[in-house]
Amino acid sequence: MMELTPSQDRRQYPRVPYGAWVEDLSTSGSLRFYLTRNLSIGGLLLSNPSGEAPPVGSRVRLRLIIENEQRIVTLDGQVVRHGHDQSGQVLFAVQFLPMDQARSEFLQGLIGELAGAQGVSSPS
């Protein structure tokens, strides 16, 4: 694995920094948690403190729980690449699979809230 550099950045959608835990519901027998690094309507970047990442091409079902709130959304995605951050922690990018309108609107609203709270212009 290697660090993701700007030239390797294949983002189609603008991302906003986001540091929430997500649950991986796709593993049988044990629940795994990952830390979200950033989020967009098209996917998210995750890290795993244990140093493990699902293989590239794996499908994942992630449950995103908005901290201090009752809002929860479950999203399906596919791991599209691995990398490391500057401290050597394992990162992996997940591209969301097609979603229904309710999930899309949920994500758009959340991203708008995050961008506004961080003083960033909201991605369109």
Protein backbone atom coordinates (compact mmCIF):
# COMPACT_ATOMS: atom_id res chain seq x y z
CA MET A 1 0.00 0.00 0.00
CA MET A 2 1.08 3.54 -0.60
CA GLU A 3 0.07 7.03 0.43
CA LEU A 4 -2.66 8.52 -1.73
CA THR A 5 -1.20 11.54 -3.53
CA PRO A 6 -3.13 14.31 -5.30
CA SER A 7 -2.29 12.76 -8.68
CA GLN A 8 -3.90 9.51 -7.52
CA ASP A 9 -6.93 11.33 -6.16
CA ARG A 10 -9.79 10.22 -8.39
CA ARG A 11 -12.57 12.02 -6.56
CA GLN A 12 -15.54 12.90 -8.69
CA TYR A 13 -17.30 14.80 -5.89
CA PRO A 14 -15.95 17.37 -3.42
CA ARG A 15 -15.41 15.97 0.06
CA VAL A 16 -15.75 17.51 3.46
CA PRO A 17 -13.68 16.52 6.50
CA TYR A 18 -15.68 14.29 8.81
CA GLY A 19 -14.55 12.32 11.84
CA ALA A 20 -17.32 9.90 12.80
CA TRP A 21 -17.28 6.18 13.50
CA VAL A 22 -19.11 3.86 11.11
CA GLU A 23 -20.11 0.25 11.65
CA ASP A 24 -19.34 -2.35 8.97
CA LEU A 25 -22.41 -4.57 8.83
CA SER A 26 -21.04 -6.72 6.01
CA THR A 27 -18.78 -8.85 8.19
CA SER A 28 -20.34 -12.00 9.56
CA GLY A 29 -19.80 -12.90 13.18
CA SER A 30 -18.13 -9.69 14.33
CA LEU A 31 -18.88 -6.02 14.05
CA ARG A 32 -16.08 -3.80 12.76
CA PHE A 33 -15.78 -0.07 13.25
CA TYR A 34 -13.93 2.39 11.01
CA LEU A 35 -13.21 6.08 11.41
CA THR A 36 -14.42 8.35 8.64
CA ARG A 37 -11.83 10.87 7.45
CA ASN A 38 -13.95 12.63 4.83
CA LEU A 39 -17.28 12.27 3.12
CA SER A 40 -18.93 13.10 -0.21
CA ILE A 41 -22.09 12.15 -2.04
CA GLY A 42 -20.00 9.59 -3.96
CA GLY A 43 -18.10 7.91 -1.13
CA LEU A 44 -15.90 8.25 1.91
CA LEU A 45 -12.37 7.76 3.13
CA LEU A 46 -11.97 5.51 6.15
CA SER A 47 -9.21 4.46 8.50
CA ASN A 48 -9.05 1.47 10.79
CA PRO A 49 -7.01 1.80 13.98
CA SER A 50 -6.41 -1.98 13.94
CA GLY A 51 -4.57 -1.56 10.63
CA GLU A 52 -6.82 -3.84 8.59
CA ALA A 53 -8.84 -2.87 5.53
CA PRO A 54 -11.26 -4.90 3.43
CA PRO A 55 -9.70 -6.00 0.13
CA VAL A 56 -10.07 -3.74 -2.89
CA GLY A 57 -13.24 -4.78 -4.71
CA SER A 58 -15.01 -5.86 -1.51
CA ARG A 59 -18.57 -4.74 -1.01
CA VAL A 60 -19.35 -3.22 2.35
CA ARG A 61 -22.54 -2.20 4.11
CA LEU A 62 -21.84 0.73 6.39
CA ARG A 63 -24.04 2.25 9.08
CA LEU A 64 -23.34 5.92 9.64
CA ILE A 65 -24.63 7.21 12.96
CA ILE A 66 -24.70 10.97 13.37
CA GLU A 67 -23.16 11.72 16.76
CA ASN A 68 -25.44 13.09 19.48
CA GLU A 69 -28.46 12.59 17.23
CA GLN A 70 -31.01 9.98 16.33
CA ARG A 71 -30.17 10.03 12.60
CA ILE A 72 -28.79 6.80 11.13
CA VAL A 73 -28.27 5.78 7.51
CA THR A 74 -27.06 2.49 6.03
CA LEU A 75 -25.09 2.73 2.80
CA ASP A 76 -23.70 0.10 0.45
CA GLY A 77 -20.32 0.65 -1.14
CA GLN A 78 -17.28 -0.94 -2.69
CA VAL A 79 -13.67 -0.57 -1.59
CA VAL A 80 -11.85 1.08 -4.49
CA ARG A 81 -8.33 1.64 -3.13
CA HIS A 82 -5.98 1.44 -0.16
CA GLY A 83 -3.33 3.83 1.08
CA HIS A 84 -1.63 5.26 4.17
CA ASP A 85 -1.72 8.64 5.80
CA GLN A 86 1.45 10.53 6.79
CA SER A 87 1.65 8.65 10.09
CA GLY A 88 1.40 5.27 8.35
CA GLN A 89 -2.19 4.49 9.36
CA VAL A 90 -4.11 2.36 6.86
CA LEU A 91 -6.69 4.24 4.78
CA PHE A 92 -9.22 2.91 2.32
CA ALA A 93 -11.64 4.60 -0.02
CA VAL A 94 -15.21 3.38 -0.44
CA GLN A 95 -17.33 4.36 -3.41
CA PHE A 96 -21.04 4.30 -2.70
CA LEU A 97 -23.17 2.01 -4.83
CA PRO A 98 -26.33 3.50 -6.36
CA MET A 99 -28.70 4.60 -3.62
CA ASP A 100 -32.32 5.59 -3.35
CA GLN A 101 -33.46 9.21 -3.22
CA ALA A 102 -33.93 9.22 0.57
CA ARG A 103 -30.30 8.18 1.21
CA SER A 104 -29.03 10.63 -1.39
CA GLU A 105 -30.99 13.49 0.19
CA PHE A 106 -29.77 12.46 3.66
CA LEU A 107 -26.14 12.60 2.50
CA GLN A 108 -26.59 15.88 0.66
CA GLY A 109 -28.13 17.43 3.78
CA LEU A 110 -25.39 16.11 6.04
CA ILE A 111 -22.62 17.28 3.70
CA GLY A 112 -24.26 20.72 3.51
CA GLU A 113 -24.40 20.91 7.32
CA LEU A 114 -20.76 19.86 7.64
CA ALA A 115 -19.57 22.28 4.97
CA GLY A 116 -21.50 25.13 6.62
CA ALA A 117 -20.16 24.32 10.07
CA GLN A 118 -16.60 24.24 8.73
CA GLY A 119 -16.99 27.45 6.72
CA VAL A 120 -16.54 25.60 3.43
CA SER A 121 -18.76 26.27 0.43
CA SER A 122 -21.26 23.44 0.11
CA PRO A 123 -20.53 21.01 -2.73
CA SER A 124 -23.25 20.89 -5.36
